[in-house]
Amino acid sequence: MYSYETVIRMQHTDAAGVMFFASVFVLAHDCYEAFLEQHGLSLGAMLDEGRFIAPIVHAEADIRKPMRLSEKITIEMTLAKTGKSSFELAYHLQNKTGETTAHVTTIHAMLDNATRKAVRTPDFFAMMLKQM
């Protein structure tokens, strides 16, 4: 499990100061990017010069409790499933009192950066995910 702490910012909210539903995907992806960076992988470098990319091909979310402007949120990311050329991440968001605020799931396909065709998940990347 990878744990990431963040705060609901103005750009995540609607006019009522409650997090806009689509922002839950932004927060989940921020968590994923922080996880990659902690392991020495830059998403920008992967896109610019890497041999593979891992775009999201499916995403879903269940929002359980409103998240408000300036509220502190903890996101716990886990590896839910792996395939030969895909992986699924599960995100559990909770507020400072430990109440569940949302669940997010993303499925990523492993593609060759040049051809955009499916490739086997590189061993180092699969190991990194499994150590989560």
Protein backbone atom coordinates (compact mmCIF):
# COMPACT_ATOMS: atom_id res chain seq x y z
CA MET A 1 0.00 0.00 0.00
CA TYR A 2 1.17 3.50 -0.81
CA SER A 3 -0.18 6.37 1.31
CA TYR A 4 -0.44 9.93 0.02
CA GLU A 5 -1.70 12.99 1.89
CA THR A 6 -3.22 16.01 0.20
CA VAL A 7 -5.63 18.88 0.73
CA ILE A 8 -8.78 19.76 -1.20
CA ARG A 9 -7.88 22.96 -3.05
CA MET A 10 -10.07 25.63 -4.64
CA GLN A 11 -9.57 24.17 -8.13
CA HIS A 12 -11.00 20.83 -6.91
CA THR A 13 -14.30 22.35 -5.75
CA ASP A 14 -17.55 23.67 -7.14
CA ALA A 15 -19.26 26.96 -6.21
CA ALA A 16 -20.49 25.44 -2.93
CA GLY A 17 -16.95 24.63 -1.79
CA VAL A 18 -17.53 20.88 -2.16
CA MET A 19 -15.22 18.79 -4.28
CA PHE A 20 -16.42 18.53 -7.89
CA PHE A 21 -16.98 14.85 -8.73
CA ALA A 22 -14.34 14.66 -11.49
CA SER A 23 -11.64 15.99 -9.14
CA VAL A 24 -11.51 12.64 -7.36
CA PHE A 25 -9.75 11.30 -10.48
CA VAL A 26 -7.26 14.17 -10.37
CA LEU A 27 -6.42 13.38 -6.74
CA ALA A 28 -6.04 9.66 -7.48
CA HIS A 29 -3.73 10.41 -10.39
CA ASP A 30 -1.68 12.80 -8.23
CA CYS A 31 -1.20 9.88 -5.83
CA TYR A 32 -0.10 7.60 -8.70
CA GLU A 33 2.39 10.19 -9.97
CA ALA A 34 3.83 10.67 -6.46
CA PHE A 35 4.26 6.89 -6.17
CA LEU A 36 6.14 6.77 -9.50
CA GLU A 37 8.34 9.71 -8.50
CA GLN A 38 9.18 8.04 -5.18
CA HIS A 39 10.52 5.13 -7.26
CA GLY A 40 12.56 7.37 -9.55
CA LEU A 41 10.11 7.40 -12.46
CA SER A 42 8.94 10.66 -13.98
CA LEU A 43 5.70 10.46 -15.92
CA GLY A 44 6.99 13.22 -18.19
CA ALA A 45 10.19 11.29 -18.94
CA MET A 46 8.19 8.13 -19.60
CA LEU A 47 6.11 9.99 -22.18
CA ASP A 48 9.06 11.80 -23.77
CA GLU A 49 11.76 9.17 -23.85
CA GLY A 50 10.51 5.93 -22.36
CA ARG A 51 9.95 2.63 -24.14
CA PHE A 52 6.50 2.13 -22.64
CA ILE A 53 3.50 4.10 -21.42
CA ALA A 54 0.65 3.07 -19.11
CA PRO A 55 -2.47 5.04 -20.04
CA ILE A 56 -5.69 4.65 -18.10
CA VAL A 57 -8.22 2.70 -20.16
CA HIS A 58 -10.96 2.53 -17.53
CA ALA A 59 -11.75 4.55 -14.41
CA GLU A 60 -14.57 4.54 -11.92
CA ALA A 61 -15.33 6.22 -8.62
CA ASP A 62 -17.77 5.99 -5.75
CA ILE A 63 -18.01 9.16 -3.71
CA ARG A 64 -19.24 8.30 -0.22
CA LYS A 65 -18.93 11.58 1.67
CA PRO A 66 -18.51 15.21 0.56
CA MET A 67 -14.98 16.57 0.62
CA ARG A 68 -14.76 20.29 1.28
CA LEU A 69 -12.33 23.07 0.52
CA SER A 70 -9.18 22.90 2.73
CA GLU A 71 -10.05 19.44 4.05
CA LYS A 72 -7.07 17.11 4.53
CA ILE A 73 -7.40 13.79 2.71
CA THR A 74 -5.32 10.61 2.87
CA ILE A 75 -5.27 8.39 -0.21
CA GLU A 76 -4.23 4.76 0.13
CA MET A 77 -3.31 3.19 -3.20
CA THR A 78 -3.06 -0.58 -3.63
CA LEU A 79 -2.43 -2.92 -6.52
CA ALA A 80 -5.77 -4.65 -7.11
CA LYS A 81 -4.93 -6.84 -10.13
CA THR A 82 -2.19 -7.48 -12.63
CA GLY A 83 -2.25 -8.96 -16.10
CA LYS A 84 0.40 -9.57 -18.74
CA SER A 85 -0.05 -6.09 -20.18
CA SER A 86 -2.28 -4.30 -17.70
CA PHE A 87 -2.73 -3.49 -14.03
CA GLU A 88 -5.52 -2.18 -11.83
CA LEU A 89 -5.02 0.28 -8.99
CA ALA A 90 -7.49 0.83 -6.15
CA TYR A 91 -7.58 4.09 -4.20
CA HIS A 92 -9.24 4.53 -0.83
CA LEU A 93 -9.75 8.18 0.19
CA GLN A 94 -10.44 9.12 3.78
CA ASN A 95 -10.74 12.29 5.80
CA LYS A 96 -8.75 13.23 8.90
CA THR A 97 -11.15 11.30 11.17
CA GLY A 98 -10.68 8.13 9.09
CA GLU A 99 -14.09 8.21 7.42
CA THR A 100 -14.15 6.87 3.86
CA THR A 101 -14.84 9.69 1.43
CA ALA A 102 -14.36 7.87 -1.89
CA HIS A 103 -13.12 4.78 -3.70
CA VAL A 104 -11.45 5.06 -7.11
CA THR A 105 -10.31 2.34 -9.48
CA THR A 106 -8.10 2.81 -12.54
CA ILE A 107 -7.07 0.20 -15.09
CA HIS A 108 -3.87 0.89 -17.02
CA ALA A 109 -2.77 -0.76 -20.28
CA MET A 110 0.93 -1.21 -20.98
CA LEU A 111 1.75 0.08 -24.46
CA ASP A 112 4.87 0.48 -26.54
CA ASN A 113 5.55 4.22 -26.59
CA ALA A 114 6.34 4.27 -30.32
CA THR A 115 3.75 1.86 -31.75
CA ARG A 116 1.02 2.24 -29.10
CA LYS A 117 0.51 -1.54 -29.20
CA ALA A 118 0.12 -3.67 -26.08
CA VAL A 119 3.35 -4.96 -24.54
CA ARG A 120 4.18 -7.14 -21.56
CA THR A 121 4.63 -5.14 -18.37
CA PRO A 122 8.38 -4.58 -17.90
CA ASP A 123 9.75 -6.70 -15.05
CA PHE A 124 11.08 -3.73 -13.07
CA PHE A 125 7.69 -1.99 -13.28
CA ALA A 126 5.78 -5.13 -12.25
CA MET A 127 8.12 -5.62 -9.27
CA MET A 128 7.67 -1.98 -8.23
CA LEU A 129 3.88 -2.36 -8.31
CA LYS A 130 3.95 -5.62 -6.35
CA GLN A 131 6.06 -4.04 -3.60
CA MET A 132 3.36 -1.41 -3.04
